[in-house]
Amino acid sequence: MNNKVITIANNNIMENKYQEGEIVCAKTDPTLKLIIRRYVKRIYYCKVQQNPDQKELVYFERELMGAPEMANKN
């Protein structure tokens, strides 16, 4: 499933691979599940699923991957 959102801002086209609310993992720690909260200027702002009160974490798209259980469903 390739659902990509294309955002046009200031005549620049930006594609984000993950949608707000989607669960992903950081490549450096695949056991930590993250919820995409926002995507701005090629940066993903994420909440930790198990601890939503924790300070947000920020990642570039190349640092994220789909949650492992999501990949197994396809």
PDB file of N, CA and C in Angstrom:
ATOM      1  N   MET A   1       0.844  -1.166   0.000  1.00  0.00           N
ATOM      2  CA  MET A   1       0.000   0.000   0.000  1.00  0.00           C
ATOM      3  C   MET A   1       0.895   1.237   0.000  1.00  0.00           C
ATOM      4  N   ASN A   2       0.838   2.053  -1.036  1.00  0.00           N
ATOM      5  CA  ASN A   2       1.651   3.251  -1.157  1.00  0.00           C
ATOM      6  C   ASN A   2       0.788   4.494  -1.101  1.00  0.00           C
ATOM      7  N   ASN A   3       0.349   4.859   0.082  1.00  0.00           N
ATOM      8  CA  ASN A   3      -0.426   6.076   0.245  1.00  0.00           C
ATOM      9  C   ASN A   3       0.516   7.199   0.619  1.00  0.00           C
ATOM     10  N   LYS A   4       0.814   8.061  -0.335  1.00  0.00           N
ATOM     11  CA  LYS A   4       1.699   9.184  -0.076  1.00  0.00           C
ATOM     12  C   LYS A   4       0.896  10.468  -0.216  1.00  0.00           C
ATOM     13  N   VAL A   5       1.178  11.401   0.656  1.00  0.00           N
ATOM     14  CA  VAL A   5       0.525  12.698   0.598  1.00  0.00           C
ATOM     15  C   VAL A   5       1.522  13.668   0.004  1.00  0.00           C
ATOM     16  N   ILE A   6       1.073  14.423  -0.956  1.00  0.00           N
ATOM     17  CA  ILE A   6       1.921  15.428  -1.568  1.00  0.00           C
ATOM     18  C   ILE A   6       1.446  16.788  -1.077  1.00  0.00           C
ATOM     19  N   THR A   7       2.358  17.537  -0.460  1.00  0.00           N
ATOM     20  CA  THR A   7       2.047  18.854   0.061  1.00  0.00           C
ATOM     21  C   THR A   7       2.764  19.876  -0.796  1.00  0.00           C
ATOM     22  N   ILE A   8       2.030  20.879  -1.252  1.00  0.00           N
ATOM     23  CA  ILE A   8       2.629  21.940  -2.042  1.00  0.00           C
ATOM     24  C   ILE A   8       2.677  23.189  -1.171  1.00  0.00           C
ATOM     25  N   ALA A   9       3.893  23.656  -0.894  1.00  0.00           N
ATOM     26  CA  ALA A   9       4.091  24.846  -0.071  1.00  0.00           C
ATOM     27  C   ALA A   9       5.187  25.681  -0.716  1.00  0.00           C
ATOM     28  N   ASN A  10       4.889  26.931  -0.973  1.00  0.00           N
ATOM     29  CA  ASN A  10       5.854  27.840  -1.590  1.00  0.00           C
ATOM     30  C   ASN A  10       6.434  27.272  -2.882  1.00  0.00           C
ATOM     31  N   ASN A  11       5.564  26.659  -3.686  1.00  0.00           N
ATOM     32  CA  ASN A  11       5.938  26.073  -4.968  1.00  0.00           C
ATOM     33  C   ASN A  11       6.930  24.922  -4.856  1.00  0.00           C
ATOM     34  N   ASN A  12       7.124  24.371  -3.674  1.00  0.00           N
ATOM     35  CA  ASN A  12       7.956  23.177  -3.478  1.00  0.00           C
ATOM     36  C   ASN A  12       7.037  21.995  -3.246  1.00  0.00           C
ATOM     37  N   ILE A  13       7.344  20.881  -3.867  1.00  0.00           N
ATOM     38  CA  ILE A  13       6.535  19.680  -3.680  1.00  0.00           C
ATOM     39  C   ILE A  13       7.264  18.777  -2.697  1.00  0.00           C
ATOM     40  N   MET A  14       6.550  18.404  -1.626  1.00  0.00           N
ATOM     41  CA  MET A  14       7.127  17.535  -0.610  1.00  0.00           C
ATOM     42  C   MET A  14       6.259  16.292  -0.498  1.00  0.00           C
ATOM     43  N   GLU A  15       6.879  15.136  -0.469  1.00  0.00           N
ATOM     44  CA  GLU A  15       6.161  13.880  -0.290  1.00  0.00           C
ATOM     45  C   GLU A  15       6.509  13.317   1.070  1.00  0.00           C
ATOM     46  N   ASN A  16       5.479  12.924   1.812  1.00  0.00           N
ATOM     47  CA  ASN A  16       5.768  12.231   3.053  1.00  0.00           C
ATOM     48  C   ASN A  16       5.229  10.815   2.960  1.00  0.00           C
ATOM     49  N   LYS A  17       6.039   9.888   3.382  1.00  0.00           N
ATOM     50  CA  LYS A  17       5.731   8.469   3.281  1.00  0.00           C
ATOM     51  C   LYS A  17       4.738   8.029   4.338  1.00  0.00           C
ATOM     52  N   TYR A  18       4.816   8.610   5.536  1.00  0.00           N
ATOM     53  CA  TYR A  18       3.968   8.214   6.653  1.00  0.00           C
ATOM     54  C   TYR A  18       2.936   9.291   6.949  1.00  0.00           C
ATOM     55  N   GLN A  19       1.764   8.858   7.356  1.00  0.00           N
ATOM     56  CA  GLN A  19       0.647   9.761   7.625  1.00  0.00           C
ATOM     57  C   GLN A  19       0.526  10.056   9.118  1.00  0.00           C
ATOM     58  N   GLU A  20      -0.086  11.179   9.456  1.00  0.00           N
ATOM     59  CA  GLU A  20      -0.347  11.501  10.855  1.00  0.00           C
ATOM     60  C   GLU A  20      -1.195  10.397  11.477  1.00  0.00           C
ATOM     61  N   GLY A  21      -0.821   9.964  12.680  1.00  0.00           N
ATOM     62  CA  GLY A  21      -1.532   8.900  13.365  1.00  0.00           C
ATOM     63  C   GLY A  21      -1.003   7.509  13.069  1.00  0.00           C
ATOM     64  N   GLU A  22      -0.152   7.373  12.080  1.00  0.00           N
ATOM     65  CA  GLU A  22       0.413   6.070  11.714  1.00  0.00           C
ATOM     66  C   GLU A  22       1.465   5.637  12.731  1.00  0.00           C
ATOM     67  N   ILE A  23       1.539   4.340  12.991  1.00  0.00           N
ATOM     68  CA  ILE A  23       2.519   3.793  13.927  1.00  0.00           C
ATOM     69  C   ILE A  23       3.738   3.327  13.145  1.00  0.00           C
ATOM     70  N   VAL A  24       4.905   3.801  13.573  1.00  0.00           N
ATOM     71  CA  VAL A  24       6.174   3.456  12.932  1.00  0.00           C
ATOM     72  C   VAL A  24       7.196   3.127  14.014  1.00  0.00           C
ATOM     73  N   CYS A  25       8.398   2.770  13.587  1.00  0.00           N
ATOM     74  CA  CYS A  25       9.513   2.504  14.503  1.00  0.00           C
ATOM     75  C   CYS A  25      10.744   3.233  13.978  1.00  0.00           C
ATOM     76  N   ALA A  26      11.621   3.589  14.903  1.00  0.00           N
ATOM     77  CA  ALA A  26      12.914   4.146  14.510  1.00  0.00           C
ATOM     78  C   ALA A  26      13.822   2.989  14.119  1.00  0.00           C
ATOM     79  N   LYS A  27      14.614   3.167  13.096  1.00  0.00           N
ATOM     80  CA  LYS A  27      15.536   2.110  12.671  1.00  0.00           C
ATOM     81  C   LYS A  27      16.552   1.805  13.760  1.00  0.00           C
ATOM     82  N   THR A  28      16.894   2.791  14.592  1.00  0.00           N
ATOM     83  CA  THR A  28      17.872   2.574  15.658  1.00  0.00           C
ATOM     84  C   THR A  28      17.293   1.792  16.833  1.00  0.00           C
ATOM     85  N   ASP A  29      15.958   1.784  16.979  1.00  0.00           N
ATOM     86  CA  ASP A  29      15.299   1.052  18.067  1.00  0.00           C
ATOM     87  C   ASP A  29      13.946   0.538  17.579  1.00  0.00           C
ATOM     88  N   PRO A  30      13.932  -0.573  16.841  1.00  0.00           N
ATOM     89  CA  PRO A  30      12.683  -1.095  16.269  1.00  0.00           C
ATOM     90  C   PRO A  30      11.646  -1.529  17.296  1.00  0.00           C
ATOM     91  N   THR A  31      12.042  -1.685  18.561  1.00  0.00           N
ATOM     92  CA  THR A  31      11.071  -2.088  19.584  1.00  0.00           C
ATOM     93  C   THR A  31      10.262  -0.903  20.102  1.00  0.00           C
ATOM     94  N   LEU A  32      10.720   0.317  19.835  1.00  0.00           N
ATOM     95  CA  LEU A  32      10.034   1.521  20.299  1.00  0.00           C
ATOM     96  C   LEU A  32       9.011   1.950  19.254  1.00  0.00           C
ATOM     97  N   LYS A  33       7.731   1.833  19.590  1.00  0.00           N
ATOM     98  CA  LYS A  33       6.677   2.206  18.651  1.00  0.00           C
ATOM     99  C   LYS A  33       6.387   3.695  18.785  1.00  0.00           C
ATOM    100  N   LEU A  34       6.334   4.358  17.645  1.00  0.00           N
ATOM    101  CA  LEU A  34       6.112   5.800  17.582  1.00  0.00           C
ATOM    102  C   LEU A  34       4.838   6.102  16.815  1.00  0.00           C
ATOM    103  N   ILE A  35       4.159   7.140  17.217  1.00  0.00           N
ATOM    104  CA  ILE A  35       2.966   7.600  16.500  1.00  0.00           C
ATOM    105  C   ILE A  35       3.325   8.911  15.824  1.00  0.00           C
ATOM    106  N   ILE A  36       3.138   8.959  14.508  1.00  0.00           N
ATOM    107  CA  ILE A  36       3.405  10.189  13.773  1.00  0.00           C
ATOM    108  C   ILE A  36       2.376  11.234  14.203  1.00  0.00           C
ATOM    109  N   ARG A  37       2.855  12.339  14.742  1.00  0.00           N
ATOM    110  CA  ARG A  37       1.950  13.398  15.153  1.00  0.00           C
ATOM    111  C   ARG A  37       1.852  14.486  14.087  1.00  0.00           C
ATOM    112  N   ARG A  38       2.999  14.775  13.465  1.00  0.00           N
ATOM    113  CA  ARG A  38       3.015  15.871  12.500  1.00  0.00           C
ATOM    114  C   ARG A  38       4.200  15.709  11.550  1.00  0.00           C
ATOM    115  N   TYR A  39       4.036  16.233  10.350  1.00  0.00           N
ATOM    116  CA  TYR A  39       5.106  16.233   9.352  1.00  0.00           C
ATOM    117  C   TYR A  39       5.269  17.656   8.855  1.00  0.00           C
ATOM    118  N   VAL A  40       6.440  18.248   9.093  1.00  0.00           N
ATOM    119  CA  VAL A  40       6.690  19.630   8.676  1.00  0.00           C
ATOM    120  C   VAL A  40       8.112  19.739   8.148  1.00  0.00           C
ATOM    121  N   LYS A  41       8.247  20.290   6.975  1.00  0.00           N
ATOM    122  CA  LYS A  41       9.556  20.549   6.362  1.00  0.00           C
ATOM    123  C   LYS A  41      10.488  19.347   6.438  1.00  0.00           C
ATOM    124  N   ARG A  42       9.986  18.203   5.993  1.00  0.00           N
ATOM    125  CA  ARG A  42      10.737  16.953   5.887  1.00  0.00           C
ATOM    126  C   ARG A  42      11.128  16.357   7.233  1.00  0.00           C
ATOM    127  N   ILE A  43      10.482  16.762   8.299  1.00  0.00           N
ATOM    128  CA  ILE A  43      10.749  16.226   9.630  1.00  0.00           C
ATOM    129  C   ILE A  43       9.463  15.662  10.209  1.00  0.00           C
ATOM    130  N   TYR A  44       9.564  14.459  10.775  1.00  0.00           N
ATOM    131  CA  TYR A  44       8.429  13.810  11.435  1.00  0.00           C
ATOM    132  C   TYR A  44       8.521  14.051  12.940  1.00  0.00           C
ATOM    133  N   TYR A  45       7.446  14.536  13.519  1.00  0.00           N
ATOM    134  CA  TYR A  45       7.344  14.738  14.963  1.00  0.00           C
ATOM    135  C   TYR A  45       6.531  13.567  15.506  1.00  0.00           C
ATOM    136  N   CYS A  46       7.120  12.807  16.433  1.00  0.00           N
ATOM    137  CA  CYS A  46       6.516  11.562  16.886  1.00  0.00           C
ATOM    138  C   CYS A  46       6.341  11.526  18.400  1.00  0.00           C
ATOM    139  N   LYS A  47       5.268  10.849  18.814  1.00  0.00           N
ATOM    140  CA  LYS A  47       5.029  10.558  20.226  1.00  0.00           C
ATOM    141  C   LYS A  47       5.363   9.087  20.450  1.00  0.00           C
ATOM    142  N   VAL A  48       5.887   8.769  21.620  1.00  0.00           N
ATOM    143  CA  VAL A  48       6.146   7.380  21.981  1.00  0.00           C
ATOM    144  C   VAL A  48       4.807   6.765  22.360  1.00  0.00           C
ATOM    145  N   GLN A  49       4.445   5.650  21.722  1.00  0.00           N
ATOM    146  CA  GLN A  49       3.129   5.043  21.924  1.00  0.00           C
ATOM    147  C   GLN A  49       2.911   4.638  23.382  1.00  0.00           C
ATOM    148  N   GLN A  50       3.900   4.056  24.021  1.00  0.00           N
ATOM    149  CA  GLN A  50       3.764   3.580  25.401  1.00  0.00           C
ATOM    150  C   GLN A  50       3.812   4.699  26.432  1.00  0.00           C
ATOM    151  N   ASN A  51       4.323   5.871  26.052  1.00  0.00           N
ATOM    152  CA  ASN A  51       4.456   6.985  26.987  1.00  0.00           C
ATOM    153  C   ASN A  51       4.165   8.301  26.268  1.00  0.00           C
ATOM    154  N   PRO A  52       2.885   8.603  25.996  1.00  0.00           N
ATOM    155  CA  PRO A  52       2.550   9.796  25.227  1.00  0.00           C
ATOM    156  C   PRO A  52       2.893  11.117  25.920  1.00  0.00           C
ATOM    157  N   ASP A  53       3.146  11.080  27.237  1.00  0.00           N
ATOM    158  CA  ASP A  53       3.513  12.306  27.948  1.00  0.00           C
ATOM    159  C   ASP A  53       4.998  12.641  27.798  1.00  0.00           C
ATOM    160  N   GLN A  54       5.770  11.695  27.279  1.00  0.00           N
ATOM    161  CA  GLN A  54       7.198  11.917  27.049  1.00  0.00           C
ATOM    162  C   GLN A  54       7.380  12.986  25.976  1.00  0.00           C
ATOM    163  N   LYS A  55       8.471  13.701  26.051  1.00  0.00           N
ATOM    164  CA  LYS A  55       8.796  14.722  25.065  1.00  0.00           C
ATOM    165  C   LYS A  55       8.799  14.111  23.663  1.00  0.00           C
ATOM    166  N   GLU A  56       8.325  14.856  22.687  1.00  0.00           N
ATOM    167  CA  GLU A  56       8.279  14.365  21.303  1.00  0.00           C
ATOM    168  C   GLU A  56       9.676  14.081  20.774  1.00  0.00           C
ATOM    169  N   LEU A  57       9.742  13.114  19.889  1.00  0.00           N
ATOM    170  CA  LEU A  57      10.986  12.774  19.212  1.00  0.00           C
ATOM    171  C   LEU A  57      10.853  13.207  17.759  1.00  0.00           C
ATOM    172  N   VAL A  58      11.945  13.612  17.163  1.00  0.00           N
ATOM    173  CA  VAL A  58      11.910  14.055  15.768  1.00  0.00           C
ATOM    174  C   VAL A  58      12.838  13.181  14.928  1.00  0.00           C
ATOM    175  N   TYR A  59      12.386  12.898  13.705  1.00  0.00           N
ATOM    176  CA  TYR A  59      13.125  12.016  12.802  1.00  0.00           C
ATOM    177  C   TYR A  59      12.982  12.484  11.363  1.00  0.00           C
ATOM    178  N   PHE A  60      13.997  12.180  10.571  1.00  0.00           N
ATOM    179  CA  PHE A  60      13.871  12.289   9.130  1.00  0.00           C
ATOM    180  C   PHE A  60      13.263  10.985   8.636  1.00  0.00           C
ATOM    181  N   GLU A  61      12.668  11.014   7.462  1.00  0.00           N
ATOM    182  CA  GLU A  61      12.016   9.824   6.909  1.00  0.00           C
ATOM    183  C   GLU A  61      12.967   8.638   6.824  1.00  0.00           C
ATOM    184  N   ARG A  62      14.209   8.885   6.468  1.00  0.00           N
ATOM    185  CA  ARG A  62      15.190   7.792   6.313  1.00  0.00           C
ATOM    186  C   ARG A  62      15.504   7.098   7.632  1.00  0.00           C
ATOM    187  N   GLU A  63      15.142   7.718   8.769  1.00  0.00           N
ATOM    188  CA  GLU A  63      15.408   7.133  10.077  1.00  0.00           C
ATOM    189  C   GLU A  63      14.248   6.290  10.600  1.00  0.00           C
ATOM    190  N   LEU A  64      13.141   6.256   9.851  1.00  0.00           N
ATOM    191  CA  LEU A  64      11.941   5.536  10.280  1.00  0.00           C
ATOM    192  C   LEU A  64      11.672   4.334   9.391  1.00  0.00           C
ATOM    193  N   MET A  65      10.914   3.387   9.951  1.00  0.00           N
ATOM    194  CA  MET A  65      10.433   2.250   9.165  1.00  0.00           C
ATOM    195  C   MET A  65       9.044   1.890   9.675  1.00  0.00           C
ATOM    196  N   GLY A  66       8.292   1.207   8.849  1.00  0.00           N
ATOM    197  CA  GLY A  66       6.964   0.777   9.254  1.00  0.00           C
ATOM    198  C   GLY A  66       7.054  -0.151  10.455  1.00  0.00           C
ATOM    199  N   ALA A  67       6.025  -0.142  11.289  1.00  0.00           N
ATOM    200  CA  ALA A  67       5.997  -1.025  12.454  1.00  0.00           C
ATOM    201  C   ALA A  67       6.021  -2.472  11.976  1.00  0.00           C
ATOM    202  N   PRO A  68       6.807  -3.336  12.616  1.00  0.00           N
ATOM    203  CA  PRO A  68       6.946  -4.737  12.167  1.00  0.00           C
ATOM    204  C   PRO A  68       5.626  -5.484  12.075  1.00  0.00           C
ATOM    205  N   GLU A  69       4.705  -5.304  13.034  1.00  0.00           N
ATOM    206  CA  GLU A  69       3.441  -6.036  12.975  1.00  0.00           C
ATOM    207  C   GLU A  69       2.579  -5.560  11.815  1.00  0.00           C
ATOM    208  N   MET A  70       2.748  -4.318  11.378  1.00  0.00           N
ATOM    209  CA  MET A  70       2.003  -3.809  10.232  1.00  0.00           C
ATOM    210  C   MET A  70       2.491  -4.498   8.955  1.00  0.00           C
ATOM    211  N   ALA A  71       3.783  -4.749   8.854  1.00  0.00           N
ATOM    212  CA  ALA A  71       4.353  -5.406   7.671  1.00  0.00           C
ATOM    213  C   ALA A  71       3.879  -6.852   7.578  1.00  0.00           C
ATOM    214  N   ASN A  72       3.679  -7.512   8.719  1.00  0.00           N
ATOM    215  CA  ASN A  72       3.259  -8.909   8.726  1.00  0.00           C
ATOM    216  C   ASN A  72       1.819  -9.084   8.276  1.00  0.00           C
ATOM    217  N   LYS A  73       0.994  -8.046   8.384  1.00  0.00           N
ATOM    218  CA  LYS A  73      -0.419  -8.150   8.002  1.00  0.00           C
ATOM    219  C   LYS A  73      -0.609  -8.166   6.494  1.00  0.00           C
ATOM    220  N   ASN A  74       0.361  -7.634   5.738  1.00  0.00           N
ATOM    221  CA  ASN A  74       0.224  -7.560   4.269  1.00  0.00           C
ATOM    222  C   ASN A  74       0.658  -8.833   3.613  1.00  0.00           C
TER     223      ASN A  74
END
